[in-house]
ModelCIF file with pLDDT and N, C-alpha, C, O atoms, coordinates in Angstrom:
data_MODEL
#
_entry.id   MODEL 
#
_entity.id                         1 
_entity.type                       polymer 
_entity.pdbx_number_of_molecules   1 
#
_entity_poly.entity_id                      1 
_entity_poly.type                           'polypeptide(L)' 
_entity_poly.nstd_linkage                   no 
_entity_poly.nstd_monomer                   no 
_entity_poly.pdbx_seq_one_letter_code       VNEAALMAARVGKRLVGMADFEMAKDKVMMGAERRSAVITPDQQKTTA 
_entity_poly.pdbx_seq_one_letter_code_can   VNEAALMAARVGKRLVGMADFEMAKDKVMMGAERRSAVITPDQQKTTA 
_entity_poly.pdbx_strand_id                 A 
#
loop_
_entity_poly_seq.entity_id 
_entity_poly_seq.num 
_entity_poly_seq.mon_id 
_entity_poly_seq.hetero 
1 1  VAL n 
1 2  ASN n 
1 3  GLU n 
1 4  ALA n 
1 5  ALA n 
1 6  LEU n 
1 7  MET n 
1 8  ALA n 
1 9  ALA n 
1 10 ARG n 
1 11 VAL n 
1 12 GLY n 
1 13 LYS n 
1 14 ARG n 
1 15 LEU n 
1 16 VAL n 
1 17 GLY n 
1 18 MET n 
1 19 ALA n 
1 20 ASP n 
1 21 PHE n 
1 22 GLU n 
1 23 MET n 
1 24 ALA n 
1 25 LYS n 
1 26 ASP n 
1 27 LYS n 
1 28 VAL n 
1 29 MET n 
1 30 MET n 
1 31 GLY n 
1 32 ALA n 
1 33 GLU n 
1 34 ARG n 
1 35 ARG n 
1 36 SER n 
1 37 ALA n 
1 38 VAL n 
1 39 ILE n 
1 40 THR n 
1 41 PRO n 
1 42 ASP n 
1 43 GLN n 
1 44 GLN n 
1 45 LYS n 
1 46 THR n 
1 47 THR n 
1 48 ALA n 
#
_struct_asym.id          A 
_struct_asym.entity_id   1 
#
loop_
_ma_qa_metric.id 
_ma_qa_metric.mode 
_ma_qa_metric.name 
_ma_qa_metric.software_group_id 
_ma_qa_metric.type 
1 global pLDDT . pLDDT 
2 local  pLDDT . pLDDT 
#
_ma_qa_metric_global.metric_id      1 
_ma_qa_metric_global.metric_value   87.29 
_ma_qa_metric_global.model_id       1 
_ma_qa_metric_global.ordinal_id     1 
#
loop_
_ma_qa_metric_local.label_asym_id 
_ma_qa_metric_local.label_comp_id 
_ma_qa_metric_local.label_seq_id 
_ma_qa_metric_local.metric_id 
_ma_qa_metric_local.metric_value 
_ma_qa_metric_local.model_id 
_ma_qa_metric_local.ordinal_id 
A VAL 1  2 95.00 1 1  
A ASN 2  2 95.00 1 2  
A GLU 3  2 94.00 1 3  
A ALA 4  2 95.00 1 4  
A ALA 5  2 95.00 1 5  
A LEU 6  2 94.00 1 6  
A MET 7  2 92.00 1 7  
A ALA 8  2 94.00 1 8  
A ALA 9  2 94.00 1 9  
A ARG 10 2 92.00 1 10 
A VAL 11 2 92.00 1 11 
A GLY 12 2 92.00 1 12 
A LYS 13 2 92.00 1 13 
A ARG 14 2 93.00 1 14 
A LEU 15 2 94.00 1 15 
A VAL 16 2 94.00 1 16 
A GLY 17 2 94.00 1 17 
A MET 18 2 93.00 1 18 
A ALA 19 2 92.00 1 19 
A ASP 20 2 93.00 1 20 
A PHE 21 2 94.00 1 21 
A GLU 22 2 89.00 1 22 
A MET 23 2 88.00 1 23 
A ALA 24 2 91.00 1 24 
A LYS 25 2 89.00 1 25 
A ASP 26 2 83.00 1 26 
A LYS 27 2 84.00 1 27 
A VAL 28 2 83.00 1 28 
A MET 29 2 80.00 1 29 
A MET 30 2 77.00 1 30 
A GLY 31 2 75.00 1 31 
A ALA 32 2 75.00 1 32 
A GLU 33 2 75.00 1 33 
A ARG 34 2 75.00 1 34 
A ARG 35 2 71.00 1 35 
A SER 36 2 70.00 1 36 
A ALA 37 2 71.00 1 37 
A VAL 38 2 74.00 1 38 
A ILE 39 2 80.00 1 39 
A THR 40 2 85.00 1 40 
A PRO 41 2 87.00 1 41 
A ASP 42 2 88.00 1 42 
A GLN 43 2 87.00 1 43 
A GLN 44 2 87.00 1 44 
A LYS 45 2 91.00 1 45 
A THR 46 2 90.00 1 46 
A THR 47 2 90.00 1 47 
A ALA 48 2 92.00 1 48 
#
loop_
_atom_site.group_PDB 
_atom_site.id 
_atom_site.type_symbol 
_atom_site.label_atom_id 
_atom_site.label_alt_id 
_atom_site.label_comp_id 
_atom_site.label_asym_id 
_atom_site.label_entity_id 
_atom_site.label_seq_id 
_atom_site.pdbx_PDB_ins_code 
_atom_site.Cartn_x 
_atom_site.Cartn_y 
_atom_site.Cartn_z 
_atom_site.occupancy 
_atom_site.B_iso_or_equiv 
_atom_site.pdbx_formal_charge 
_atom_site.auth_seq_id 
_atom_site.auth_comp_id 
_atom_site.auth_asym_id 
_atom_site.auth_atom_id 
_atom_site.pdbx_PDB_model_num 
ATOM 1   N N  . VAL A 1 1  ? -56.244 -4.272 -68.870 1.00 95.00 ? 1  VAL A N  1 
ATOM 2   C CA . VAL A 1 1  ? -57.195 -3.346 -69.253 1.00 95.00 ? 1  VAL A CA 1 
ATOM 3   C C  . VAL A 1 1  ? -58.085 -3.375 -67.924 1.00 95.00 ? 1  VAL A C  1 
ATOM 4   O O  . VAL A 1 1  ? -58.375 -2.385 -67.252 1.00 95.00 ? 1  VAL A O  1 
ATOM 5   N N  . ASN A 1 2  ? -58.434 -4.594 -67.693 1.00 95.00 ? 2  ASN A N  1 
ATOM 6   C CA . ASN A 1 2  ? -59.241 -4.709 -66.326 1.00 95.00 ? 2  ASN A CA 1 
ATOM 7   C C  . ASN A 1 2  ? -58.632 -3.920 -64.897 1.00 95.00 ? 2  ASN A C  1 
ATOM 8   O O  . ASN A 1 2  ? -59.329 -3.305 -64.090 1.00 95.00 ? 2  ASN A O  1 
ATOM 9   N N  . GLU A 1 3  ? -57.376 -4.085 -64.836 1.00 94.00 ? 3  GLU A N  1 
ATOM 10  C CA . GLU A 1 3  ? -57.009 -3.553 -63.631 1.00 94.00 ? 3  GLU A CA 1 
ATOM 11  C C  . GLU A 1 3  ? -57.306 -1.812 -63.964 1.00 94.00 ? 3  GLU A C  1 
ATOM 12  O O  . GLU A 1 3  ? -57.988 -1.086 -63.242 1.00 94.00 ? 3  GLU A O  1 
ATOM 13  N N  . ALA A 1 4  ? -56.577 -1.372 -65.289 1.00 95.00 ? 4  ALA A N  1 
ATOM 14  C CA . ALA A 1 4  ? -57.041 0.048  -65.538 1.00 95.00 ? 4  ALA A CA 1 
ATOM 15  C C  . ALA A 1 4  ? -58.617 0.687  -65.145 1.00 95.00 ? 4  ALA A C  1 
ATOM 16  O O  . ALA A 1 4  ? -58.872 1.755  -64.589 1.00 95.00 ? 4  ALA A O  1 
ATOM 17  N N  . ALA A 1 5  ? -59.499 -0.304 -65.612 1.00 95.00 ? 5  ALA A N  1 
ATOM 18  C CA . ALA A 1 5  ? -60.891 -0.036 -65.547 1.00 95.00 ? 5  ALA A CA 1 
ATOM 19  C C  . ALA A 1 5  ? -61.005 0.114  -63.701 1.00 95.00 ? 5  ALA A C  1 
ATOM 20  O O  . ALA A 1 5  ? -61.302 1.183  -63.169 1.00 95.00 ? 5  ALA A O  1 
ATOM 21  N N  . LEU A 1 6  ? -60.736 -1.041 -62.987 1.00 94.00 ? 6  LEU A N  1 
ATOM 22  C CA . LEU A 1 6  ? -60.679 -0.719 -61.408 1.00 94.00 ? 6  LEU A CA 1 
ATOM 23  C C  . LEU A 1 6  ? -59.933 0.331  -61.109 1.00 94.00 ? 6  LEU A C  1 
ATOM 24  O O  . LEU A 1 6  ? -60.521 1.080  -60.328 1.00 94.00 ? 6  LEU A O  1 
ATOM 25  N N  . MET A 1 7  ? -58.898 0.685  -61.406 1.00 92.00 ? 7  MET A N  1 
ATOM 26  C CA . MET A 1 7  ? -58.419 1.900  -60.859 1.00 92.00 ? 7  MET A CA 1 
ATOM 27  C C  . MET A 1 7  ? -58.841 3.384  -61.191 1.00 92.00 ? 7  MET A C  1 
ATOM 28  O O  . MET A 1 7  ? -58.335 4.353  -60.626 1.00 92.00 ? 7  MET A O  1 
ATOM 29  N N  . ALA A 1 8  ? -59.624 3.451  -61.972 1.00 94.00 ? 8  ALA A N  1 
ATOM 30  C CA . ALA A 1 8  ? -60.509 4.499  -62.698 1.00 94.00 ? 8  ALA A CA 1 
ATOM 31  C C  . ALA A 1 8  ? -61.860 4.465  -61.697 1.00 94.00 ? 8  ALA A C  1 
ATOM 32  O O  . ALA A 1 8  ? -62.359 5.461  -61.173 1.00 94.00 ? 8  ALA A O  1 
ATOM 33  N N  . ALA A 1 9  ? -62.312 3.133  -61.565 1.00 94.00 ? 9  ALA A N  1 
ATOM 34  C CA . ALA A 1 9  ? -63.615 3.135  -60.943 1.00 94.00 ? 9  ALA A CA 1 
ATOM 35  C C  . ALA A 1 9  ? -63.355 3.319  -59.504 1.00 94.00 ? 9  ALA A C  1 
ATOM 36  O O  . ALA A 1 9  ? -64.308 3.657  -58.803 1.00 94.00 ? 9  ALA A O  1 
ATOM 37  N N  . ARG A 1 10 ? -62.272 3.155  -59.000 1.00 92.00 ? 10 ARG A N  1 
ATOM 38  C CA . ARG A 1 10 ? -61.886 3.332  -57.490 1.00 92.00 ? 10 ARG A CA 1 
ATOM 39  C C  . ARG A 1 10 ? -61.999 4.945  -56.942 1.00 92.00 ? 10 ARG A C  1 
ATOM 40  O O  . ARG A 1 10 ? -62.128 5.380  -55.798 1.00 92.00 ? 10 ARG A O  1 
ATOM 41  N N  . VAL A 1 11 ? -61.893 5.658  -58.284 1.00 92.00 ? 11 VAL A N  1 
ATOM 42  C CA . VAL A 1 11 ? -61.668 7.069  -57.918 1.00 92.00 ? 11 VAL A CA 1 
ATOM 43  C C  . VAL A 1 11 ? -62.901 7.742  -58.383 1.00 92.00 ? 11 VAL A C  1 
ATOM 44  O O  . VAL A 1 11 ? -63.017 8.959  -58.239 1.00 92.00 ? 11 VAL A O  1 
ATOM 45  N N  . GLY A 1 12 ? -63.841 7.016  -58.941 1.00 92.00 ? 12 GLY A N  1 
ATOM 46  C CA . GLY A 1 12 ? -65.396 7.608  -59.383 1.00 92.00 ? 12 GLY A CA 1 
ATOM 47  C C  . GLY A 1 12 ? -65.114 8.211  -61.084 1.00 92.00 ? 12 GLY A C  1 
ATOM 48  O O  . GLY A 1 12 ? -65.959 8.888  -61.669 1.00 92.00 ? 12 GLY A O  1 
ATOM 49  N N  . LYS A 1 13 ? -64.025 7.889  -61.588 1.00 92.00 ? 13 LYS A N  1 
ATOM 50  C CA . LYS A 1 13 ? -63.908 8.185  -62.994 1.00 92.00 ? 13 LYS A CA 1 
ATOM 51  C C  . LYS A 1 13 ? -65.021 7.272  -63.955 1.00 92.00 ? 13 LYS A C  1 
ATOM 52  O O  . LYS A 1 13 ? -65.120 6.045  -63.940 1.00 92.00 ? 13 LYS A O  1 
ATOM 53  N N  . ARG A 1 14 ? -65.854 8.268  -64.821 1.00 93.00 ? 14 ARG A N  1 
ATOM 54  C CA . ARG A 1 14 ? -66.452 7.480  -65.849 1.00 93.00 ? 14 ARG A CA 1 
ATOM 55  C C  . ARG A 1 14 ? -65.811 7.221  -66.990 1.00 93.00 ? 14 ARG A C  1 
ATOM 56  O O  . ARG A 1 14 ? -66.448 6.750  -67.932 1.00 93.00 ? 14 ARG A O  1 
ATOM 57  N N  . LEU A 1 15 ? -64.591 7.455  -67.087 1.00 94.00 ? 15 LEU A N  1 
ATOM 58  C CA . LEU A 1 15 ? -63.966 7.417  -68.220 1.00 94.00 ? 15 LEU A CA 1 
ATOM 59  C C  . LEU A 1 15 ? -62.487 6.751  -67.836 1.00 94.00 ? 15 LEU A C  1 
ATOM 60  O O  . LEU A 1 15 ? -61.784 7.274  -66.972 1.00 94.00 ? 15 LEU A O  1 
ATOM 61  N N  . VAL A 1 16 ? -62.101 5.627  -68.508 1.00 94.00 ? 16 VAL A N  1 
ATOM 62  C CA . VAL A 1 16 ? -60.308 5.177  -68.090 1.00 94.00 ? 16 VAL A CA 1 
ATOM 63  C C  . VAL A 1 16 ? -59.393 5.900  -68.810 1.00 94.00 ? 16 VAL A C  1 
ATOM 64  O O  . VAL A 1 16 ? -59.380 5.837  -70.039 1.00 94.00 ? 16 VAL A O  1 
ATOM 65  N N  . GLY A 1 17 ? -58.617 6.588  -68.180 1.00 94.00 ? 17 GLY A N  1 
ATOM 66  C CA . GLY A 1 17 ? -57.553 7.563  -68.888 1.00 94.00 ? 17 GLY A CA 1 
ATOM 67  C C  . GLY A 1 17 ? -56.351 6.707  -69.250 1.00 94.00 ? 17 GLY A C  1 
ATOM 68  O O  . GLY A 1 17 ? -56.287 5.478  -69.212 1.00 94.00 ? 17 GLY A O  1 
ATOM 69  N N  . MET A 1 18 ? -55.246 7.723  -69.669 1.00 93.00 ? 18 MET A N  1 
ATOM 70  C CA . MET A 1 18 ? -53.911 7.029  -69.877 1.00 93.00 ? 18 MET A CA 1 
ATOM 71  C C  . MET A 1 18 ? -53.044 6.977  -68.572 1.00 93.00 ? 18 MET A C  1 
ATOM 72  O O  . MET A 1 18 ? -52.013 6.319  -68.428 1.00 93.00 ? 18 MET A O  1 
ATOM 73  N N  . ALA A 1 19 ? -53.625 7.761  -67.678 1.00 92.00 ? 19 ALA A N  1 
ATOM 74  C CA . ALA A 1 19 ? -52.957 7.549  -66.268 1.00 92.00 ? 19 ALA A CA 1 
ATOM 75  C C  . ALA A 1 19 ? -53.198 6.495  -65.728 1.00 92.00 ? 19 ALA A C  1 
ATOM 76  O O  . ALA A 1 19 ? -52.360 5.898  -65.053 1.00 92.00 ? 19 ALA A O  1 
ATOM 77  N N  . ASP A 1 20 ? -54.697 5.975  -65.984 1.00 93.00 ? 20 ASP A N  1 
ATOM 78  C CA . ASP A 1 20 ? -54.928 4.786  -65.453 1.00 93.00 ? 20 ASP A CA 1 
ATOM 79  C C  . ASP A 1 20 ? -54.466 3.662  -65.683 1.00 93.00 ? 20 ASP A C  1 
ATOM 80  O O  . ASP A 1 20 ? -54.269 2.790  -64.836 1.00 93.00 ? 20 ASP A O  1 
ATOM 81  N N  . PHE A 1 21 ? -54.210 3.572  -67.090 1.00 94.00 ? 21 PHE A N  1 
ATOM 82  C CA . PHE A 1 21 ? -53.302 2.346  -67.800 1.00 94.00 ? 21 PHE A CA 1 
ATOM 83  C C  . PHE A 1 21 ? -51.802 2.429  -67.272 1.00 94.00 ? 21 PHE A C  1 
ATOM 84  O O  . PHE A 1 21 ? -51.156 1.396  -67.098 1.00 94.00 ? 21 PHE A O  1 
ATOM 85  N N  . GLU A 1 22 ? -51.239 3.757  -67.008 1.00 89.00 ? 22 GLU A N  1 
ATOM 86  C CA . GLU A 1 22 ? -49.917 3.630  -66.495 1.00 89.00 ? 22 GLU A CA 1 
ATOM 87  C C  . GLU A 1 22 ? -49.990 3.072  -65.105 1.00 89.00 ? 22 GLU A C  1 
ATOM 88  O O  . GLU A 1 22 ? -49.090 2.316  -64.740 1.00 89.00 ? 22 GLU A O  1 
ATOM 89  N N  . MET A 1 23 ? -50.968 3.370  -64.300 1.00 88.00 ? 23 MET A N  1 
ATOM 90  C CA . MET A 1 23 ? -50.976 2.916  -62.789 1.00 88.00 ? 23 MET A CA 1 
ATOM 91  C C  . MET A 1 23 ? -51.199 1.469  -62.657 1.00 88.00 ? 23 MET A C  1 
ATOM 92  O O  . MET A 1 23 ? -50.944 0.789  -61.663 1.00 88.00 ? 23 MET A O  1 
ATOM 93  N N  . ALA A 1 24 ? -51.855 0.956  -64.102 1.00 91.00 ? 24 ALA A N  1 
ATOM 94  C CA . ALA A 1 24 ? -52.413 -0.329 -64.012 1.00 91.00 ? 24 ALA A CA 1 
ATOM 95  C C  . ALA A 1 24 ? -50.905 -1.163 -64.411 1.00 91.00 ? 24 ALA A C  1 
ATOM 96  O O  . ALA A 1 24 ? -50.568 -2.143 -63.746 1.00 91.00 ? 24 ALA A O  1 
ATOM 97  N N  . LYS A 1 25 ? -50.175 -0.725 -65.406 1.00 89.00 ? 25 LYS A N  1 
ATOM 98  C CA . LYS A 1 25 ? -49.251 -1.200 -65.813 1.00 89.00 ? 25 LYS A CA 1 
ATOM 99  C C  . LYS A 1 25 ? -47.913 -1.481 -64.810 1.00 89.00 ? 25 LYS A C  1 
ATOM 100 O O  . LYS A 1 25 ? -47.126 -2.428 -64.816 1.00 89.00 ? 25 LYS A O  1 
ATOM 101 N N  . ASP A 1 26 ? -47.982 -0.064 -63.794 1.00 83.00 ? 26 ASP A N  1 
ATOM 102 C CA . ASP A 1 26 ? -47.094 -0.389 -62.885 1.00 83.00 ? 26 ASP A CA 1 
ATOM 103 C C  . ASP A 1 26 ? -47.266 -1.410 -61.791 1.00 83.00 ? 26 ASP A C  1 
ATOM 104 O O  . ASP A 1 26 ? -46.337 -2.069 -61.325 1.00 83.00 ? 26 ASP A O  1 
ATOM 105 N N  . LYS A 1 27 ? -48.505 -1.491 -61.423 1.00 84.00 ? 27 LYS A N  1 
ATOM 106 C CA . LYS A 1 27 ? -48.988 -2.560 -60.513 1.00 84.00 ? 27 LYS A CA 1 
ATOM 107 C C  . LYS A 1 27 ? -48.497 -3.919 -61.270 1.00 84.00 ? 27 LYS A C  1 
ATOM 108 O O  . LYS A 1 27 ? -47.591 -4.525 -60.698 1.00 84.00 ? 27 LYS A O  1 
ATOM 109 N N  . VAL A 1 28 ? -48.941 -4.416 -62.373 1.00 83.00 ? 28 VAL A N  1 
ATOM 110 C CA . VAL A 1 28 ? -49.100 -5.369 -62.923 1.00 83.00 ? 28 VAL A CA 1 
ATOM 111 C C  . VAL A 1 28 ? -47.201 -6.160 -63.169 1.00 83.00 ? 28 VAL A C  1 
ATOM 112 O O  . VAL A 1 28 ? -46.729 -7.296 -63.228 1.00 83.00 ? 28 VAL A O  1 
ATOM 113 N N  . MET A 1 29 ? -46.674 -4.750 -63.243 1.00 80.00 ? 29 MET A N  1 
ATOM 114 C CA . MET A 1 29 ? -45.358 -4.962 -63.857 1.00 80.00 ? 29 MET A CA 1 
ATOM 115 C C  . MET A 1 29 ? -44.260 -5.103 -62.736 1.00 80.00 ? 29 MET A C  1 
ATOM 116 O O  . MET A 1 29 ? -43.209 -5.740 -62.810 1.00 80.00 ? 29 MET A O  1 
ATOM 117 N N  . MET A 1 30 ? -44.835 -4.223 -61.486 1.00 77.00 ? 30 MET A N  1 
ATOM 118 C CA . MET A 1 30 ? -43.783 -4.012 -60.640 1.00 77.00 ? 30 MET A CA 1 
ATOM 119 C C  . MET A 1 30 ? -44.514 -4.248 -58.997 1.00 77.00 ? 30 MET A C  1 
ATOM 120 O O  . MET A 1 30 ? -43.842 -4.230 -57.966 1.00 77.00 ? 30 MET A O  1 
ATOM 121 N N  . GLY A 1 31 ? -45.811 -4.437 -59.036 1.00 75.00 ? 31 GLY A N  1 
ATOM 122 C CA . GLY A 1 31 ? -46.293 -4.949 -57.932 1.00 75.00 ? 31 GLY A CA 1 
ATOM 123 C C  . GLY A 1 31 ? -46.970 -3.514 -57.524 1.00 75.00 ? 31 GLY A C  1 
ATOM 124 O O  . GLY A 1 31 ? -46.692 -2.401 -57.969 1.00 75.00 ? 31 GLY A O  1 
ATOM 125 N N  . ALA A 1 32 ? -47.856 -3.849 -56.630 1.00 75.00 ? 32 ALA A N  1 
ATOM 126 C CA . ALA A 1 32 ? -48.635 -2.669 -55.624 1.00 75.00 ? 32 ALA A CA 1 
ATOM 127 C C  . ALA A 1 32 ? -47.825 -1.501 -54.960 1.00 75.00 ? 32 ALA A C  1 
ATOM 128 O O  . ALA A 1 32 ? -46.771 -1.842 -54.422 1.00 75.00 ? 32 ALA A O  1 
ATOM 129 N N  . GLU A 1 33 ? -48.154 -0.208 -54.920 1.00 75.00 ? 33 GLU A N  1 
ATOM 130 C CA . GLU A 1 33 ? -47.339 0.859  -54.229 1.00 75.00 ? 33 GLU A CA 1 
ATOM 131 C C  . GLU A 1 33 ? -47.240 0.208  -52.982 1.00 75.00 ? 33 GLU A C  1 
ATOM 132 O O  . GLU A 1 33 ? -48.043 -0.638 -52.589 1.00 75.00 ? 33 GLU A O  1 
ATOM 133 N N  . ARG A 1 34 ? -46.217 0.621  -52.339 1.00 75.00 ? 34 ARG A N  1 
ATOM 134 C CA . ARG A 1 34 ? -46.021 0.262  -50.903 1.00 75.00 ? 34 ARG A CA 1 
ATOM 135 C C  . ARG A 1 34 ? -46.500 2.008  -50.144 1.00 75.00 ? 34 ARG A C  1 
ATOM 136 O O  . ARG A 1 34 ? -45.669 2.703  -49.559 1.00 75.00 ? 34 ARG A O  1 
ATOM 137 N N  . ARG A 1 35 ? -47.555 2.303  -50.286 1.00 71.00 ? 35 ARG A N  1 
ATOM 138 C CA . ARG A 1 35 ? -47.388 3.682  -49.463 1.00 71.00 ? 35 ARG A CA 1 
ATOM 139 C C  . ARG A 1 35 ? -47.341 3.797  -48.135 1.00 71.00 ? 35 ARG A C  1 
ATOM 140 O O  . ARG A 1 35 ? -47.291 4.844  -47.489 1.00 71.00 ? 35 ARG A O  1 
ATOM 141 N N  . SER A 1 36 ? -47.364 2.290  -47.591 1.00 70.00 ? 36 SER A N  1 
ATOM 142 C CA . SER A 1 36 ? -47.505 2.376  -45.901 1.00 70.00 ? 36 SER A CA 1 
ATOM 143 C C  . SER A 1 36 ? -45.569 1.921  -45.497 1.00 70.00 ? 36 SER A C  1 
ATOM 144 O O  . SER A 1 36 ? -45.067 1.802  -44.379 1.00 70.00 ? 36 SER A O  1 
ATOM 145 N N  . ALA A 1 37 ? -45.097 1.810  -46.447 1.00 71.00 ? 37 ALA A N  1 
ATOM 146 C CA . ALA A 1 37 ? -43.588 1.547  -46.132 1.00 71.00 ? 37 ALA A CA 1 
ATOM 147 C C  . ALA A 1 37 ? -42.973 2.673  -45.673 1.00 71.00 ? 37 ALA A C  1 
ATOM 148 O O  . ALA A 1 37 ? -43.095 3.759  -46.239 1.00 71.00 ? 37 ALA A O  1 
ATOM 149 N N  . VAL A 1 38 ? -42.339 2.505  -44.716 1.00 74.00 ? 38 VAL A N  1 
ATOM 150 C CA . VAL A 1 38 ? -41.701 3.549  -44.027 1.00 74.00 ? 38 VAL A CA 1 
ATOM 151 C C  . VAL A 1 38 ? -40.270 3.800  -44.400 1.00 74.00 ? 38 VAL A C  1 
ATOM 152 O O  . VAL A 1 38 ? -39.389 3.012  -44.058 1.00 74.00 ? 38 VAL A O  1 
ATOM 153 N N  . ILE A 1 39 ? -40.008 4.945  -45.135 1.00 80.00 ? 39 ILE A N  1 
ATOM 154 C CA . ILE A 1 39 ? -38.910 5.303  -45.404 1.00 80.00 ? 39 ILE A CA 1 
ATOM 155 C C  . ILE A 1 39 ? -38.174 6.750  -44.762 1.00 80.00 ? 39 ILE A C  1 
ATOM 156 O O  . ILE A 1 39 ? -38.804 7.803  -44.665 1.00 80.00 ? 39 ILE A O  1 
ATOM 157 N N  . THR A 1 40 ? -36.956 6.619  -44.411 1.00 85.00 ? 40 THR A N  1 
ATOM 158 C CA . THR A 1 40 ? -36.914 7.993  -43.890 1.00 85.00 ? 40 THR A CA 1 
ATOM 159 C C  . THR A 1 40 ? -36.314 9.110  -44.831 1.00 85.00 ? 40 THR A C  1 
ATOM 160 O O  . THR A 1 40 ? -35.765 8.741  -45.869 1.00 85.00 ? 40 THR A O  1 
ATOM 161 N N  . PRO A 1 41 ? -36.375 10.221 -44.581 1.00 87.00 ? 41 PRO A N  1 
ATOM 162 C CA . PRO A 1 41 ? -36.194 11.194 -45.347 1.00 87.00 ? 41 PRO A CA 1 
ATOM 163 C C  . PRO A 1 41 ? -34.705 11.185 -46.161 1.00 87.00 ? 41 PRO A C  1 
ATOM 164 O O  . PRO A 1 41 ? -34.520 11.727 -47.251 1.00 87.00 ? 41 PRO A O  1 
ATOM 165 N N  . ASP A 1 42 ? -33.729 10.471 -45.410 1.00 88.00 ? 42 ASP A N  1 
ATOM 166 C CA . ASP A 1 42 ? -32.493 10.317 -46.089 1.00 88.00 ? 42 ASP A CA 1 
ATOM 167 C C  . ASP A 1 42 ? -32.735 9.383  -46.910 1.00 88.00 ? 42 ASP A C  1 
ATOM 168 O O  . ASP A 1 42 ? -32.297 9.646  -48.030 1.00 88.00 ? 42 ASP A O  1 
ATOM 169 N N  . GLN A 1 43 ? -33.414 8.083  -46.804 1.00 87.00 ? 43 GLN A N  1 
ATOM 170 C CA . GLN A 1 43 ? -33.533 7.232  -47.598 1.00 87.00 ? 43 GLN A CA 1 
ATOM 171 C C  . GLN A 1 43 ? -34.187 7.551  -49.209 1.00 87.00 ? 43 GLN A C  1 
ATOM 172 O O  . GLN A 1 43 ? -33.745 7.181  -50.297 1.00 87.00 ? 43 GLN A O  1 
ATOM 173 N N  . GLN A 1 44 ? -35.532 8.467  -48.856 1.00 87.00 ? 44 GLN A N  1 
ATOM 174 C CA . GLN A 1 44 ? -36.129 9.133  -49.995 1.00 87.00 ? 44 GLN A CA 1 
ATOM 175 C C  . GLN A 1 44 ? -34.911 10.241 -50.797 1.00 87.00 ? 44 GLN A C  1 
ATOM 176 O O  . GLN A 1 44 ? -35.068 10.629 -51.955 1.00 87.00 ? 44 GLN A O  1 
ATOM 177 N N  . LYS A 1 45 ? -34.109 10.503 -50.218 1.00 91.00 ? 45 LYS A N  1 
ATOM 178 C CA . LYS A 1 45 ? -33.098 11.613 -50.829 1.00 91.00 ? 45 LYS A CA 1 
ATOM 179 C C  . LYS A 1 45 ? -32.146 10.771 -51.751 1.00 91.00 ? 45 LYS A C  1 
ATOM 180 O O  . LYS A 1 45 ? -31.966 11.093 -52.925 1.00 91.00 ? 45 LYS A O  1 
ATOM 181 N N  . THR A 1 46 ? -31.533 9.659  -51.166 1.00 90.00 ? 46 THR A N  1 
ATOM 182 C CA . THR A 1 46 ? -30.600 9.044  -51.853 1.00 90.00 ? 46 THR A CA 1 
ATOM 183 C C  . THR A 1 46 ? -31.571 8.012  -52.675 1.00 90.00 ? 46 THR A C  1 
ATOM 184 O O  . THR A 1 46 ? -30.893 7.310  -53.425 1.00 90.00 ? 46 THR A O  1 
ATOM 185 N N  . THR A 1 47 ? -32.775 7.767  -52.731 1.00 90.00 ? 47 THR A N  1 
ATOM 186 C CA . THR A 1 47 ? -33.493 7.225  -53.863 1.00 90.00 ? 47 THR A CA 1 
ATOM 187 C C  . THR A 1 47 ? -33.683 8.105  -55.301 1.00 90.00 ? 47 THR A C  1 
ATOM 188 O O  . THR A 1 47 ? -33.430 7.730  -56.446 1.00 90.00 ? 47 THR A O  1 
ATOM 189 N N  . ALA A 1 48 ? -34.119 9.167  -54.922 1.00 92.00 ? 48 ALA A N  1 
ATOM 190 C CA . ALA A 1 48 ? -34.136 10.495 -55.708 1.00 92.00 ? 48 ALA A CA 1 
ATOM 191 C C  . ALA A 1 48 ? -33.038 10.909 -56.442 1.00 92.00 ? 48 ALA A C  1 
ATOM 192 O O  . ALA A 1 48 ? -33.075 11.972 -57.061 1.00 92.00 ? 48 ALA A O  1 
#
């Protein structure tokens, strides 16, 4: 719940939505997003 509230606050939301809870759950269960990870288009295609 705290993580969801933080995620909503980071983007300036006044209300914590279901999408914030989904992102918080993903972060708690699987770790933070690795947006900086260098993944080639071939690797993305394989993963998809």
